[in-house]
C-alpha atoms as a PDB file:
ATOM      1  CA  UNK A   1      -0.008   0.004  -0.024  1.00  0.00           C
ATOM      2  CA  UNK A   2       1.311   3.402  -0.996  1.00  0.00           C
ATOM      3  CA  UNK A   3       1.979   6.082   1.684  1.00  0.00           C
ATOM      4  CA  UNK A   4       0.128   9.361   1.249  1.00  0.00           C
ATOM      5  CA  UNK A   5       1.279  12.984   1.178  1.00  0.00           C
ATOM      6  CA  UNK A   6      -1.128  15.878   1.466  1.00  0.00           C
ATOM      7  CA  UNK A   7       0.133  19.187   0.134  1.00  0.00           C
ATOM      8  CA  UNK A   8      -1.183  22.576   0.913  1.00  0.00           C
ATOM      9  CA  UNK A   9      -1.802  24.890  -2.037  1.00  0.00           C
ATOM     10  CA  UNK A  10      -1.207  28.475  -1.036  1.00  0.00           C
ATOM     11  CA  UNK A  11       2.439  29.393  -0.239  1.00  0.00           C
ATOM     12  CA  UNK A  12       3.493  25.739  -0.776  1.00  0.00           C
ATOM     13  CA  UNK A  13       2.731  25.294  -4.563  1.00  0.00           C
ATOM     14  CA  UNK A  14       0.932  28.592  -5.421  1.00  0.00           C
ATOM     15  CA  UNK A  15       2.218  32.067  -4.757  1.00  0.00           C
ATOM     16  CA  UNK A  16      -0.802  33.540  -2.960  1.00  0.00           C
ATOM     17  CA  UNK A  17       1.192  36.298  -1.256  1.00  0.00           C
ATOM     18  CA  UNK A  18       2.713  37.382  -4.528  1.00  0.00           C
ATOM     19  CA  UNK A  19      -0.713  37.932  -6.159  1.00  0.00           C
ATOM     20  CA  UNK A  20      -2.171  39.333  -2.949  1.00  0.00           C
ATOM     21  CA  UNK A  21       0.674  41.869  -2.589  1.00  0.00           C
ATOM     22  CA  UNK A  22       0.495  43.009  -6.202  1.00  0.00           C
ATOM     23  CA  UNK A  23      -3.277  43.317  -6.214  1.00  0.00           C
ATOM     24  CA  UNK A  24      -3.362  45.134  -2.792  1.00  0.00           C
ATOM     25  CA  UNK A  25      -0.638  47.519  -3.892  1.00  0.00           C
ATOM     26  CA  UNK A  26      -2.543  48.311  -7.173  1.00  0.00           C
ATOM     27  CA  UNK A  27      -5.973  48.450  -5.759  1.00  0.00           C
ATOM     28  CA  UNK A  28      -5.420  50.080  -2.378  1.00  0.00           C
ATOM     29  CA  UNK A  29      -2.171  51.972  -2.982  1.00  0.00           C
ATOM     30  CA  UNK A  30      -0.506  50.536   0.098  1.00  0.00           C
ATOM     31  CA  UNK A  31       3.102  51.392   0.888  1.00  0.00           C
ATOM     32  CA  UNK A  32       4.298  48.137   2.401  1.00  0.00           C
ATOM     33  CA  UNK A  33       7.290  46.354   0.975  1.00  0.00           C
ATOM     34  CA  UNK A  34       6.706  42.692  -0.109  1.00  0.00           C
ATOM     35  CA  UNK A  35       8.555  41.426   3.023  1.00  0.00           C
ATOM     36  CA  UNK A  36       6.460  43.650   5.270  1.00  0.00           C
ATOM     37  CA  UNK A  37       3.244  42.404   3.436  1.00  0.00           C
ATOM     38  CA  UNK A  38       4.327  38.800   4.145  1.00  0.00           C
ATOM     39  CA  UNK A  39       5.134  39.248   7.773  1.00  0.00           C
ATOM     40  CA  UNK A  40       2.496  41.899   8.910  1.00  0.00           C
ATOM     41  CA  UNK A  41      -1.283  41.412   9.019  1.00  0.00           C
ATOM     42  CA  UNK A  42      -2.577  43.907   6.594  1.00  0.00           C
ATOM     43  CA  UNK A  43      -5.413  44.839   8.863  1.00  0.00           C
ATOM     44  CA  UNK A  44      -2.973  45.825  11.650  1.00  0.00           C
ATOM     45  CA  UNK A  45      -1.362  48.471   9.419  1.00  0.00           C
ATOM     46  CA  UNK A  46      -4.435  49.349   7.340  1.00  0.00           C
ATOM     47  CA  UNK A  47      -7.572  48.377   9.523  1.00  0.00           C
ATOM     48  CA  UNK A  48      -9.929  50.148   7.170  1.00  0.00           C
ATOM     49  CA  UNK A  49      -8.859  47.788   4.308  1.00  0.00           C
ATOM     50  CA  UNK A  50      -9.550  44.419   6.039  1.00  0.00           C
ATOM     51  CA  UNK A  51     -13.020  44.067   4.606  1.00  0.00           C
ATOM     52  CA  UNK A  52     -12.007  45.219   1.077  1.00  0.00           C
ATOM     53  CA  UNK A  53      -9.057  42.883   1.042  1.00  0.00           C
ATOM     54  CA  UNK A  54     -11.267  39.912   2.035  1.00  0.00           C
ATOM     55  CA  UNK A  55     -13.743  40.803  -0.766  1.00  0.00           C
ATOM     56  CA  UNK A  56     -10.894  41.176  -3.258  1.00  0.00           C
ATOM     57  CA  UNK A  57      -9.497  37.686  -2.491  1.00  0.00           C
ATOM     58  CA  UNK A  58     -13.050  36.247  -2.704  1.00  0.00           C
ATOM     59  CA  UNK A  59     -13.500  37.512  -6.279  1.00  0.00           C
ATOM     60  CA  UNK A  60     -14.215  34.428  -8.435  1.00  0.00           C
ATOM     61  CA  UNK A  61     -11.044  34.641 -10.478  1.00  0.00           C
ATOM     62  CA  UNK A  62      -8.596  35.951  -7.864  1.00  0.00           C
ATOM     63  CA  UNK A  63      -7.007  32.509  -7.324  1.00  0.00           C
ATOM     64  CA  UNK A  64      -6.949  31.569 -11.033  1.00  0.00           C
ATOM     65  CA  UNK A  65      -3.732  33.229 -12.262  1.00  0.00           C
ATOM     66  CA  UNK A  66      -1.325  32.515  -9.408  1.00  0.00           C
ATOM     67  CA  UNK A  67       2.275  32.022 -10.228  1.00  0.00           C
ATOM     68  CA  UNK A  68       3.899  28.762  -9.100  1.00  0.00           C
ATOM     69  CA  UNK A  69       5.735  29.416  -5.822  1.00  0.00           C
ATOM     70  CA  UNK A  70       8.545  27.118  -6.937  1.00  0.00           C
ATOM     71  CA  UNK A  71       8.748  25.810 -10.584  1.00  0.00           C
ATOM     72  CA  UNK A  72      10.262  22.556  -9.142  1.00  0.00           C
ATOM     73  CA  UNK A  73       6.881  21.737  -7.565  1.00  0.00           C
ATOM     74  CA  UNK A  74       5.531  20.328 -10.911  1.00  0.00           C
ATOM     75  CA  UNK A  75       8.259  17.816 -11.754  1.00  0.00           C
ATOM     76  CA  UNK A  76       8.704  16.819  -8.039  1.00  0.00           C
ATOM     77  CA  UNK A  77       4.975  16.280  -7.536  1.00  0.00           C
ATOM     78  CA  UNK A  78       4.885  14.315 -10.775  1.00  0.00           C
ATOM     79  CA  UNK A  79       7.718  11.980  -9.597  1.00  0.00           C
ATOM     80  CA  UNK A  80       6.103  11.719  -6.030  1.00  0.00           C
ATOM     81  CA  UNK A  81       2.835  10.799  -7.619  1.00  0.00           C
ATOM     82  CA  UNK A  82       4.451   7.685  -9.065  1.00  0.00           C
ATOM     83  CA  UNK A  83       5.360   6.425  -5.514  1.00  0.00           C
ATOM     84  CA  UNK A  84       2.845   8.022  -3.151  1.00  0.00           C
ATOM     85  CA  UNK A  85      -0.888   8.894  -3.086  1.00  0.00           C
ATOM     86  CA  UNK A  86      -0.736  12.669  -3.502  1.00  0.00           C
ATOM     87  CA  UNK A  87      -3.580  14.833  -2.210  1.00  0.00           C
ATOM     88  CA  UNK A  88      -3.867  18.632  -2.449  1.00  0.00           C
ATOM     89  CA  UNK A  89      -5.445  19.845   0.800  1.00  0.00           C
ATOM     90  CA  UNK A  90      -6.418  23.513   0.756  1.00  0.00           C
ATOM     91  CA  UNK A  91      -8.175  25.472   3.413  1.00  0.00           C
ATOM     92  CA  UNK A  92     -10.721  26.811   0.973  1.00  0.00           C
ATOM     93  CA  UNK A  93     -13.272  27.429   3.521  1.00  0.00           C
ATOM     94  CA  UNK A  94     -11.285  30.474   4.648  1.00  0.00           C
ATOM     95  CA  UNK A  95     -11.983  32.076   1.267  1.00  0.00           C
ATOM     96  CA  UNK A  96     -15.238  30.544   0.007  1.00  0.00           C
ATOM     97  CA  UNK A  97     -15.130  32.404  -3.272  1.00  0.00           C
ATOM     98  CA  UNK A  98     -12.051  30.553  -4.453  1.00  0.00           C
ATOM     99  CA  UNK A  99     -13.297  26.990  -5.153  1.00  0.00           C
ATOM    100  CA  UNK A 100     -13.654  27.137  -8.974  1.00  0.00           C
ATOM    101  CA  UNK A 101     -10.499  29.227  -9.472  1.00  0.00           C
ATOM    102  CA  UNK A 102      -8.405  26.858  -7.278  1.00  0.00           C
ATOM    103  CA  UNK A 103      -9.797  23.760  -8.940  1.00  0.00           C
ATOM    104  CA  UNK A 104      -9.111  25.104 -12.450  1.00  0.00           C
ATOM    105  CA  UNK A 105      -5.628  26.243 -11.411  1.00  0.00           C
ATOM    106  CA  UNK A 106      -4.797  22.823 -10.018  1.00  0.00           C
ATOM    107  CA  UNK A 107      -6.035  21.103 -13.222  1.00  0.00           C
ATOM    108  CA  UNK A 108      -3.952  23.428 -15.381  1.00  0.00           C
ATOM    109  CA  UNK A 109      -0.703  23.094 -13.452  1.00  0.00           C
ATOM    110  CA  UNK A 110      -0.999  19.464 -12.159  1.00  0.00           C
ATOM    111  CA  UNK A 111      -2.978  17.565 -14.818  1.00  0.00           C
ATOM    112  CA  UNK A 112      -1.269  14.325 -13.701  1.00  0.00           C
ATOM    113  CA  UNK A 113      -2.917  14.479 -10.249  1.00  0.00           C
ATOM    114  CA  UNK A 114      -6.278  12.844  -9.627  1.00  0.00           C
ATOM    115  CA  UNK A 115      -8.883  15.596  -9.132  1.00  0.00           C
ATOM    116  CA  UNK A 116     -10.684  13.265  -6.710  1.00  0.00           C
ATOM    117  CA  UNK A 117      -7.706  13.897  -4.472  1.00  0.00           C
ATOM    118  CA  UNK A 118      -8.285  17.639  -4.233  1.00  0.00           C
ATOM    119  CA  UNK A 119      -9.472  18.401  -0.724  1.00  0.00           C
ATOM    120  CA  UNK A 120     -11.263  21.667  -0.099  1.00  0.00           C
ATOM    121  CA  UNK A 121     -11.595  21.919   3.630  1.00  0.00           C
ATOM    122  CA  UNK A 122     -11.227  24.211   6.696  1.00  0.00           C
ATOM    123  CA  UNK A 123      -9.329  22.501   9.462  1.00  0.00           C
ATOM    124  CA  UNK A 124      -6.840  19.939   8.022  1.00  0.00           C
ATOM    125  CA  UNK A 125      -7.363  17.518  10.977  1.00  0.00           C
ATOM    126  CA  UNK A 126      -9.989  15.939   8.723  1.00  0.00           C
ATOM    127  CA  UNK A 127      -7.212  15.047   6.176  1.00  0.00           C
ATOM    128  CA  UNK A 128      -6.178  11.425   6.676  1.00  0.00           C
ATOM    129  CA  UNK A 129      -2.666  11.135   5.087  1.00  0.00           C
ATOM    130  CA  UNK A 130       0.686  10.099   6.302  1.00  0.00           C
ATOM    131  CA  UNK A 131       2.262  13.495   5.719  1.00  0.00           C
ATOM    132  CA  UNK A 132       1.073  17.073   5.375  1.00  0.00           C
ATOM    133  CA  UNK A 133       3.395  19.716   3.835  1.00  0.00           C
ATOM    134  CA  UNK A 134       1.960  23.054   4.816  1.00  0.00           C
ATOM    135  CA  UNK A 135       3.098  26.669   5.704  1.00  0.00           C
ATOM    136  CA  UNK A 136       0.520  27.171   8.363  1.00  0.00           C
ATOM    137  CA  UNK A 137       1.613  26.035  11.836  1.00  0.00           C
ATOM    138  CA  UNK A 138      -1.944  25.867  13.101  1.00  0.00           C
ATOM    139  CA  UNK A 139      -2.948  23.433  10.341  1.00  0.00           C
ATOM    140  CA  UNK A 140       0.079  21.197  11.117  1.00  0.00           C
ATOM    141  CA  UNK A 141      -0.768  21.241  14.909  1.00  0.00           C
ATOM    142  CA  UNK A 142      -4.219  19.873  14.213  1.00  0.00           C
ATOM    143  CA  UNK A 143      -3.177  17.315  11.564  1.00  0.00           C
ATOM    144  CA  UNK A 144      -2.857  13.709  12.854  1.00  0.00           C
ATOM    145  CA  UNK A 145      -0.044  12.505  10.611  1.00  0.00           C
ATOM    146  CA  UNK A 146       3.507  13.793  10.319  1.00  0.00           C
ATOM    147  CA  UNK A 147       3.576  17.560   9.674  1.00  0.00           C
ATOM    148  CA  UNK A 148       6.272  19.115   7.489  1.00  0.00           C
ATOM    149  CA  UNK A 149       6.540  22.913   7.529  1.00  0.00           C
ATOM    150  CA  UNK A 150       7.150  24.661   4.352  1.00  0.00           C
ATOM    151  CA  UNK A 151       9.381  27.590   5.451  1.00  0.00           C
ATOM    152  CA  UNK A 152       8.603  31.225   5.087  1.00  0.00           C
ATOM    153  CA  UNK A 153       9.517  34.389   7.117  1.00  0.00           C
ATOM    154  CA  UNK A 154       6.211  34.403   8.825  1.00  0.00           C
ATOM    155  CA  UNK A 155       6.735  30.859  10.285  1.00  0.00           C
ATOM    156  CA  UNK A 156      10.479  30.949  11.119  1.00  0.00           C
ATOM    157  CA  UNK A 157       9.975  31.000  14.829  1.00  0.00           C
ATOM    158  CA  UNK A 158       8.249  27.593  14.802  1.00  0.00           C
ATOM    159  CA  UNK A 159      10.611  24.638  15.827  1.00  0.00           C
ATOM    160  CA  UNK A 160       8.150  21.887  16.400  1.00  0.00           C
ATOM    161  CA  UNK A 161       8.068  20.484  12.831  1.00  0.00           C
ATOM    162  CA  UNK A 162      10.592  19.226  10.247  1.00  0.00           C
ATOM    163  CA  UNK A 163      11.141  22.219   7.875  1.00  0.00           C
ATOM    164  CA  UNK A 164      11.600  22.318   4.109  1.00  0.00           C
ATOM    165  CA  UNK A 165      12.545  25.449   2.114  1.00  0.00           C
ATOM    166  CA  UNK A 166      11.795  24.398  -1.456  1.00  0.00           C
ATOM    167  CA  UNK A 167      10.623  21.489  -3.585  1.00  0.00           C
ATOM    168  CA  UNK A 168      14.184  20.148  -4.142  1.00  0.00           C
ATOM    169  CA  UNK A 169      14.369  19.479  -0.363  1.00  0.00           C
ATOM    170  CA  UNK A 170      10.906  17.835  -0.511  1.00  0.00           C
ATOM    171  CA  UNK A 171      12.255  15.524  -3.323  1.00  0.00           C
ATOM    172  CA  UNK A 172      15.314  14.665  -1.124  1.00  0.00           C
ATOM    173  CA  UNK A 173      13.079  13.953   1.816  1.00  0.00           C
ATOM    174  CA  UNK A 174      10.719  11.603  -0.053  1.00  0.00           C
ATOM    175  CA  UNK A 175      12.691  10.050  -2.843  1.00  0.00           C
ATOM    176  CA  UNK A 176      13.929   7.498  -3.354  1.00  0.00           C
ATOM    177  CA  UNK A 177      11.144   5.755  -1.631  1.00  0.00           C
ATOM    178  CA  UNK A 178      12.363   3.661   1.357  1.00  0.00           C
ATOM    179  CA  UNK A 179      10.710   0.188   1.606  1.00  0.00           C
ATOM    180  CA  UNK A 180      10.616  -1.460   4.938  1.00  0.00           C
END
């Protein structure tokens, strides 16, 4: 029986923050740098924009044209898919307007993955996989398998999970497959 790996979408395979930063800068004329945007809650610096930002990311096509966070994600996931059951687990309930755009984006970039393995959820404790690769510490804490933290500035203080910085490190971690 194959082992299973669940992979978060935003900030693990898709560059949510890149699109959010660019869109917020254009639409709201914010003066934050990209690093400040990634490490500061927008509503703490611009409280009047919180509702408008949430509405912006809930627009039906907002999630449709994300860049890949790391171009190595595609070939590595393709190779992992030969040895593991791969699931994409995205906390889509946080942004309910994103379902169609996220689904279409996944089909475009990862046509070799089984769409029946796309999990749109809230709390990832419902995901039953051996591993979860995620950038969100809270999601990893509720997950019942082994959590692997995808490293970013905003989660650098966390020391409770194994950490990866890119998809080459993920490949080294999971391939070649060790049989017991």
